[in-house]
PDB file of N, CA and C in Angstrom:
ATOM      1  N   UNK A   1     -54.167  26.472  66.482  1.00  0.00           N
ATOM      2  CA  UNK A   1     -53.955  25.573  65.133  1.00  0.00           C
ATOM      3  C   UNK A   1     -52.516  24.659  65.209  1.00  0.00           C
ATOM      4  N   UNK A   2     -52.872  23.655  65.190  1.00  0.00           N
ATOM      5  CA  UNK A   2     -51.394  22.767  64.999  1.00  0.00           C
ATOM      6  C   UNK A   2     -50.790  22.838  63.868  1.00  0.00           C
ATOM      7  N   UNK A   3     -51.142  23.634  62.674  1.00  0.00           N
ATOM      8  CA  UNK A   3     -50.484  23.650  61.379  1.00  0.00           C
ATOM      9  C   UNK A   3     -49.479  24.833  61.538  1.00  0.00           C
ATOM     10  N   UNK A   4     -48.283  24.224  60.956  1.00  0.00           N
ATOM     11  CA  UNK A   4     -47.441  25.717  60.989  1.00  0.00           C
ATOM     12  C   UNK A   4     -46.816  25.848  59.518  1.00  0.00           C
ATOM     13  N   UNK A   5     -46.934  27.345  58.852  1.00  0.00           N
ATOM     14  CA  UNK A   5     -46.801  27.497  57.796  1.00  0.00           C
ATOM     15  C   UNK A   5     -45.211  27.854  57.646  1.00  0.00           C
ATOM     16  N   UNK A   6     -44.136  26.902  56.940  1.00  0.00           N
ATOM     17  CA  UNK A   6     -42.990  27.392  56.806  1.00  0.00           C
ATOM     18  C   UNK A   6     -42.378  27.963  55.615  1.00  0.00           C
ATOM     19  N   UNK A   7     -43.736  28.931  55.114  1.00  0.00           N
ATOM     20  CA  UNK A   7     -43.317  29.591  53.671  1.00  0.00           C
ATOM     21  C   UNK A   7     -42.242  30.177  53.650  1.00  0.00           C
ATOM     22  N   UNK A   8     -41.858  31.035  55.085  1.00  0.00           N
ATOM     23  CA  UNK A   8     -40.717  31.858  54.695  1.00  0.00           C
ATOM     24  C   UNK A   8     -39.258  31.321  54.688  1.00  0.00           C
ATOM     25  N   UNK A   9     -39.043  30.092  55.594  1.00  0.00           N
ATOM     26  CA  UNK A   9     -38.315  29.409  55.332  1.00  0.00           C
ATOM     27  C   UNK A   9     -37.672  29.124  53.671  1.00  0.00           C
ATOM     28  N   UNK A  10     -38.773  28.198  53.173  1.00  0.00           N
ATOM     29  CA  UNK A  10     -38.804  27.988  51.899  1.00  0.00           C
ATOM     30  C   UNK A  10     -38.182  29.092  50.761  1.00  0.00           C
ATOM     31  N   UNK A  11     -38.842  30.063  51.230  1.00  0.00           N
ATOM     32  CA  UNK A  11     -38.450  31.334  50.276  1.00  0.00           C
ATOM     33  C   UNK A  11     -37.366  31.458  50.661  1.00  0.00           C
ATOM     34  N   UNK A  12     -36.676  31.636  52.276  1.00  0.00           N
ATOM     35  CA  UNK A  12     -35.188  32.091  52.084  1.00  0.00           C
ATOM     36  C   UNK A  12     -34.272  31.196  51.426  1.00  0.00           C
ATOM     37  N   UNK A  13     -34.719  29.795  51.529  1.00  0.00           N
ATOM     38  CA  UNK A  13     -34.091  28.688  50.757  1.00  0.00           C
ATOM     39  C   UNK A  13     -33.878  28.928  49.464  1.00  0.00           C
ATOM     40  N   UNK A  14     -34.670  29.497  48.696  1.00  0.00           N
ATOM     41  CA  UNK A  14     -34.594  29.817  47.533  1.00  0.00           C
ATOM     42  C   UNK A  14     -34.682  31.294  47.120  1.00  0.00           C
ATOM     43  N   UNK A  15     -34.166  31.793  48.043  1.00  0.00           N
ATOM     44  CA  UNK A  15     -33.934  33.149  47.795  1.00  0.00           C
ATOM     45  C   UNK A  15     -34.833  33.960  46.906  1.00  0.00           C
ATOM     46  N   UNK A  16     -36.156  33.938  47.469  1.00  0.00           N
ATOM     47  CA  UNK A  16     -37.333  33.970  46.643  1.00  0.00           C
ATOM     48  C   UNK A  16     -37.899  35.528  47.275  1.00  0.00           C
ATOM     49  N   UNK A  17     -38.104  36.350  46.986  1.00  0.00           N
ATOM     50  CA  UNK A  17     -39.075  37.275  47.564  1.00  0.00           C
ATOM     51  C   UNK A  17     -40.742  37.445  47.592  1.00  0.00           C
ATOM     52  N   UNK A  18     -41.280  37.717  48.965  1.00  0.00           N
ATOM     53  CA  UNK A  18     -42.816  37.578  48.683  1.00  0.00           C
ATOM     54  C   UNK A  18     -43.016  38.528  47.218  1.00  0.00           C
ATOM     55  N   UNK A  19     -42.610  38.780  46.668  1.00  0.00           N
ATOM     56  CA  UNK A  19     -43.031  39.998  45.595  1.00  0.00           C
ATOM     57  C   UNK A  19     -42.966  39.245  44.512  1.00  0.00           C
ATOM     58  N   UNK A  20     -41.737  38.321  44.221  1.00  0.00           N
ATOM     59  CA  UNK A  20     -41.392  37.467  43.194  1.00  0.00           C
ATOM     60  C   UNK A  20     -42.567  36.387  43.053  1.00  0.00           C
ATOM     61  N   UNK A  21     -42.278  35.800  44.530  1.00  0.00           N
ATOM     62  CA  UNK A  21     -43.527  34.606  44.795  1.00  0.00           C
ATOM     63  C   UNK A  21     -44.910  35.071  44.234  1.00  0.00           C
ATOM     64  N   UNK A  22     -45.295  35.996  44.497  1.00  0.00           N
ATOM     65  CA  UNK A  22     -46.547  36.366  44.085  1.00  0.00           C
ATOM     66  C   UNK A  22     -46.882  36.930  42.597  1.00  0.00           C
ATOM     67  N   UNK A  23     -46.191  37.352  41.994  1.00  0.00           N
ATOM     68  CA  UNK A  23     -46.299  37.148  40.574  1.00  0.00           C
ATOM     69  C   UNK A  23     -46.098  35.967  40.143  1.00  0.00           C
ATOM     70  N   UNK A  24     -45.084  35.030  40.516  1.00  0.00           N
ATOM     71  CA  UNK A  24     -45.306  33.361  40.136  1.00  0.00           C
ATOM     72  C   UNK A  24     -46.556  32.616  40.367  1.00  0.00           C
ATOM     73  N   UNK A  25     -46.955  32.825  41.646  1.00  0.00           N
ATOM     74  CA  UNK A  25     -48.113  31.993  41.566  1.00  0.00           C
ATOM     75  C   UNK A  25     -49.621  32.812  41.635  1.00  0.00           C
ATOM     76  N   UNK A  26     -49.484  34.114  41.118  1.00  0.00           N
ATOM     77  CA  UNK A  26     -50.514  35.182  40.884  1.00  0.00           C
ATOM     78  C   UNK A  26     -51.554  34.965  41.900  1.00  0.00           C
ATOM     79  N   UNK A  27     -50.760  35.357  43.149  1.00  0.00           N
ATOM     80  CA  UNK A  27     -51.860  35.192  44.370  1.00  0.00           C
ATOM     81  C   UNK A  27     -50.950  36.858  45.083  1.00  0.00           C
ATOM     82  N   UNK A  28     -51.937  37.663  45.505  1.00  0.00           N
ATOM     83  CA  UNK A  28     -51.785  38.872  46.234  1.00  0.00           C
ATOM     84  C   UNK A  28     -50.487  38.950  47.280  1.00  0.00           C
ATOM     85  N   UNK A  29     -49.714  39.612  47.026  1.00  0.00           N
ATOM     86  CA  UNK A  29     -48.767  39.759  48.161  1.00  0.00           C
ATOM     87  C   UNK A  29     -49.694  39.794  49.655  1.00  0.00           C
ATOM     88  N   UNK A  30     -50.572  40.330  49.821  1.00  0.00           N
ATOM     89  CA  UNK A  30     -51.415  40.649  51.014  1.00  0.00           C
ATOM     90  C   UNK A  30     -51.979  38.771  51.803  1.00  0.00           C
ATOM     91  N   UNK A  31     -52.302  38.288  50.582  1.00  0.00           N
ATOM     92  CA  UNK A  31     -52.357  36.649  50.629  1.00  0.00           C
ATOM     93  C   UNK A  31     -51.677  35.843  50.945  1.00  0.00           C
ATOM     94  N   UNK A  32     -50.677  36.272  50.288  1.00  0.00           N
ATOM     95  CA  UNK A  32     -48.981  35.184  50.531  1.00  0.00           C
ATOM     96  C   UNK A  32     -48.538  35.578  52.136  1.00  0.00           C
ATOM     97  N   UNK A  33     -48.483  37.081  52.396  1.00  0.00           N
ATOM     98  CA  UNK A  33     -48.562  37.260  53.527  1.00  0.00           C
ATOM     99  C   UNK A  33     -49.302  36.913  54.904  1.00  0.00           C
ATOM    100  N   UNK A  34     -50.424  36.808  54.755  1.00  0.00           N
ATOM    101  CA  UNK A  34     -51.198  35.984  55.644  1.00  0.00           C
ATOM    102  C   UNK A  34     -50.676  34.845  55.618  1.00  0.00           C
ATOM    103  N   UNK A  35     -50.190  34.013  54.872  1.00  0.00           N
ATOM    104  CA  UNK A  35     -50.105  32.779  54.786  1.00  0.00           C
ATOM    105  C   UNK A  35     -49.030  32.648  55.318  1.00  0.00           C
ATOM    106  N   UNK A  36     -47.893  33.342  55.082  1.00  0.00           N
ATOM    107  CA  UNK A  36     -46.349  33.161  55.793  1.00  0.00           C
ATOM    108  C   UNK A  36     -46.404  33.720  57.002  1.00  0.00           C
ATOM    109  N   UNK A  37     -47.459  34.379  57.533  1.00  0.00           N
ATOM    110  CA  UNK A  37     -47.550  34.510  59.072  1.00  0.00           C
ATOM    111  C   UNK A  37     -48.207  33.798  60.249  1.00  0.00           C
ATOM    112  N   UNK A  38     -48.899  32.929  59.160  1.00  0.00           N
ATOM    113  CA  UNK A  38     -49.434  31.858  60.113  1.00  0.00           C
ATOM    114  C   UNK A  38     -50.812  32.432  60.378  1.00  0.00           C
ATOM    115  N   UNK A  39     -51.683  33.363  59.724  1.00  0.00           N
ATOM    116  CA  UNK A  39     -52.639  33.871  60.248  1.00  0.00           C
ATOM    117  C   UNK A  39     -54.026  33.195  59.505  1.00  0.00           C
ATOM    118  N   UNK A  40     -53.402  32.160  58.288  1.00  0.00           N
ATOM    119  CA  UNK A  40     -54.687  31.900  57.177  1.00  0.00           C
ATOM    120  C   UNK A  40     -55.234  30.466  58.152  1.00  0.00           C
ATOM    121  N   UNK A  41     -56.273  30.308  57.834  1.00  0.00           N
ATOM    122  CA  UNK A  41     -57.324  29.040  58.479  1.00  0.00           C
ATOM    123  C   UNK A  41     -57.582  28.364  57.473  1.00  0.00           C
ATOM    124  N   UNK A  42     -57.206  28.744  56.098  1.00  0.00           N
ATOM    125  CA  UNK A  42     -57.356  27.645  54.809  1.00  0.00           C
ATOM    126  C   UNK A  42     -56.423  28.034  53.573  1.00  0.00           C
ATOM    127  N   UNK A  43     -56.095  26.857  52.979  1.00  0.00           N
ATOM    128  CA  UNK A  43     -54.990  27.152  51.980  1.00  0.00           C
ATOM    129  C   UNK A  43     -55.616  26.086  51.029  1.00  0.00           C
ATOM    130  N   UNK A  44     -56.055  26.654  49.411  1.00  0.00           N
ATOM    131  CA  UNK A  44     -56.570  26.205  48.449  1.00  0.00           C
ATOM    132  C   UNK A  44     -55.293  25.265  47.983  1.00  0.00           C
ATOM    133  N   UNK A  45     -55.996  23.922  47.472  1.00  0.00           N
ATOM    134  CA  UNK A  45     -54.996  23.029  46.907  1.00  0.00           C
ATOM    135  C   UNK A  45     -54.014  23.233  45.662  1.00  0.00           C
ATOM    136  N   UNK A  46     -54.957  24.274  45.095  1.00  0.00           N
ATOM    137  CA  UNK A  46     -54.498  24.791  43.305  1.00  0.00           C
ATOM    138  C   UNK A  46     -53.217  25.731  44.015  1.00  0.00           C
ATOM    139  N   UNK A  47     -53.299  26.596  45.155  1.00  0.00           N
ATOM    140  CA  UNK A  47     -52.530  27.556  45.514  1.00  0.00           C
ATOM    141  C   UNK A  47     -51.043  27.116  46.093  1.00  0.00           C
ATOM    142  N   UNK A  48     -51.499  25.875  46.763  1.00  0.00           N
ATOM    143  CA  UNK A  48     -50.249  25.072  47.537  1.00  0.00           C
ATOM    144  C   UNK A  48     -49.913  24.658  46.458  1.00  0.00           C
ATOM    145  N   UNK A  49     -50.214  24.175  45.041  1.00  0.00           N
ATOM    146  CA  UNK A  49     -49.588  23.747  44.068  1.00  0.00           C
ATOM    147  C   UNK A  49     -48.774  24.291  43.407  1.00  0.00           C
ATOM    148  N   UNK A  50     -49.451  25.432  43.307  1.00  0.00           N
ATOM    149  CA  UNK A  50     -48.788  26.748  42.362  1.00  0.00           C
ATOM    150  C   UNK A  50     -47.116  27.056  43.292  1.00  0.00           C
ATOM    151  N   UNK A  51     -47.377  27.044  44.469  1.00  0.00           N
ATOM    152  CA  UNK A  51     -46.402  27.667  45.606  1.00  0.00           C
ATOM    153  C   UNK A  51     -45.233  26.670  45.463  1.00  0.00           C
ATOM    154  N   UNK A  52     -45.746  25.456  45.286  1.00  0.00           N
ATOM    155  CA  UNK A  52     -44.684  24.262  45.362  1.00  0.00           C
ATOM    156  C   UNK A  52     -44.023  24.274  44.509  1.00  0.00           C
ATOM    157  N   UNK A  53     -44.675  24.604  43.126  1.00  0.00           N
ATOM    158  CA  UNK A  53     -44.111  24.865  41.542  1.00  0.00           C
ATOM    159  C   UNK A  53     -43.255  25.937  41.725  1.00  0.00           C
ATOM    160  N   UNK A  54     -43.323  26.859  42.088  1.00  0.00           N
ATOM    161  CA  UNK A  54     -42.478  28.092  41.996  1.00  0.00           C
ATOM    162  C   UNK A  54     -41.477  27.691  43.153  1.00  0.00           C
ATOM    163  N   UNK A  55     -41.498  27.428  44.433  1.00  0.00           N
ATOM    164  CA  UNK A  55     -40.603  27.125  45.071  1.00  0.00           C
ATOM    165  C   UNK A  55     -39.721  25.662  44.654  1.00  0.00           C
ATOM    166  N   UNK A  56     -40.202  24.994  44.033  1.00  0.00           N
ATOM    167  CA  UNK A  56     -39.761  23.797  43.755  1.00  0.00           C
ATOM    168  C   UNK A  56     -39.293  22.611  44.756  1.00  0.00           C
ATOM    169  N   UNK A  57     -40.655  22.545  45.660  1.00  0.00           N
ATOM    170  CA  UNK A  57     -40.405  21.781  46.758  1.00  0.00           C
ATOM    171  C   UNK A  57     -42.119  21.049  47.191  1.00  0.00           C
ATOM    172  N   UNK A  58     -42.069  20.333  48.077  1.00  0.00           N
ATOM    173  CA  UNK A  58     -43.161  19.339  48.181  1.00  0.00           C
ATOM    174  C   UNK A  58     -44.115  20.274  49.149  1.00  0.00           C
ATOM    175  N   UNK A  59     -45.480  19.810  49.426  1.00  0.00           N
ATOM    176  CA  UNK A  59     -46.550  20.619  50.404  1.00  0.00           C
ATOM    177  C   UNK A  59     -45.443  20.273  52.024  1.00  0.00           C
ATOM    178  N   UNK A  60     -45.128  19.140  52.163  1.00  0.00           N
ATOM    179  CA  UNK A  60     -44.263  18.482  53.476  1.00  0.00           C
ATOM    180  C   UNK A  60     -43.185  19.704  53.961  1.00  0.00           C
ATOM    181  N   UNK A  61     -42.468  20.556  52.771  1.00  0.00           N
ATOM    182  CA  UNK A  61     -41.564  20.947  52.968  1.00  0.00           C
ATOM    183  C   UNK A  61     -41.802  22.564  53.558  1.00  0.00           C
ATOM    184  N   UNK A  62     -43.444  23.101  53.122  1.00  0.00           N
ATOM    185  CA  UNK A  62     -43.995  24.467  53.320  1.00  0.00           C
ATOM    186  C   UNK A  62     -44.805  23.673  54.975  1.00  0.00           C
ATOM    187  N   UNK A  63     -45.677  22.969  54.860  1.00  0.00           N
ATOM    188  CA  UNK A  63     -46.868  22.943  56.119  1.00  0.00           C
ATOM    189  C   UNK A  63     -46.124  21.558  57.032  1.00  0.00           C
ATOM    190  N   UNK A  64     -46.341  22.047  58.233  1.00  0.00           N
ATOM    191  CA  UNK A  64     -45.740  21.527  59.387  1.00  0.00           C
ATOM    192  C   UNK A  64     -46.900  21.297  60.506  1.00  0.00           C
ATOM    193  N   UNK A  65     -47.261  19.830  60.927  1.00  0.00           N
ATOM    194  CA  UNK A  65     -47.994  19.397  62.287  1.00  0.00           C
ATOM    195  C   UNK A  65     -47.151  19.778  63.052  1.00  0.00           C
ATOM    196  N   UNK A  66     -47.487  20.344  64.365  1.00  0.00           N
ATOM    197  CA  UNK A  66     -47.097  20.284  65.797  1.00  0.00           C
ATOM    198  C   UNK A  66     -48.346  20.150  66.832  1.00  0.00           C
ATOM    199  N   UNK A  67     -48.174  18.869  67.439  1.00  0.00           N
ATOM    200  CA  UNK A  67     -49.174  18.422  68.422  1.00  0.00           C
ATOM    201  C   UNK A  67     -49.212  19.970  69.328  1.00  0.00           C
ATOM    202  N   UNK A  68     -50.432  20.277  69.529  1.00  0.00           N
ATOM    203  CA  UNK A  68     -50.940  21.235  70.433  1.00  0.00           C
ATOM    204  C   UNK A  68     -50.202  22.443  70.049  1.00  0.00           C
ATOM    205  N   UNK A  69     -49.064  23.018  69.114  1.00  0.00           N
ATOM    206  CA  UNK A  69     -48.798  23.909  69.081  1.00  0.00           C
ATOM    207  C   UNK A  69     -49.570  24.781  68.007  1.00  0.00           C
ATOM    208  N   UNK A  70     -48.567  25.848  67.844  1.00  0.00           N
ATOM    209  CA  UNK A  70     -48.890  27.313  66.847  1.00  0.00           C
ATOM    210  C   UNK A  70     -49.739  28.216  67.452  1.00  0.00           C
ATOM    211  N   UNK A  71     -50.514  28.869  66.688  1.00  0.00           N
ATOM    212  CA  UNK A  71     -50.996  30.030  67.217  1.00  0.00           C
ATOM    213  C   UNK A  71     -52.818  29.617  67.300  1.00  0.00           C
ATOM    214  N   UNK A  72     -52.727  29.815  68.039  1.00  0.00           N
ATOM    215  CA  UNK A  72     -54.095  30.020  68.866  1.00  0.00           C
ATOM    216  C   UNK A  72     -55.762  30.360  68.380  1.00  0.00           C
ATOM    217  N   UNK A  73     -56.826  30.167  68.111  1.00  0.00           N
ATOM    218  CA  UNK A  73     -57.470  31.238  67.267  1.00  0.00           C
ATOM    219  C   UNK A  73     -57.779  32.192  68.416  1.00  0.00           C
ATOM    220  N   UNK A  74     -57.775  33.559  68.154  1.00  0.00           N
ATOM    221  CA  UNK A  74     -58.043  34.904  68.551  1.00  0.00           C
ATOM    222  C   UNK A  74     -56.948  35.669  69.024  1.00  0.00           C
ATOM    223  N   UNK A  75     -55.868  34.831  68.934  1.00  0.00           N
ATOM    224  CA  UNK A  75     -54.242  35.557  69.364  1.00  0.00           C
ATOM    225  C   UNK A  75     -53.989  36.336  68.337  1.00  0.00           C
ATOM    226  N   UNK A  76     -53.488  37.803  68.840  1.00  0.00           N
ATOM    227  CA  UNK A  76     -52.569  38.699  68.162  1.00  0.00           C
ATOM    228  C   UNK A  76     -52.980  39.095  66.524  1.00  0.00           C
TER     229      UNK A  76
END
């Protein structure tokens, strides 16, 4: 997958824990963890919008396109 999720970077910049973000966006910590660790196959726009609102950022601050980079299907 060539899309990298930099959720952990934005959370660190905002000094927000996974638990706090989970409460603010009404998404389980387990699902946010999957997203944060680049294990997600998809993300709903409504979830992305809620995360951006909670972290006061843009989708491009969280999602990054890396040509040929990222975790390949079936890894780890």
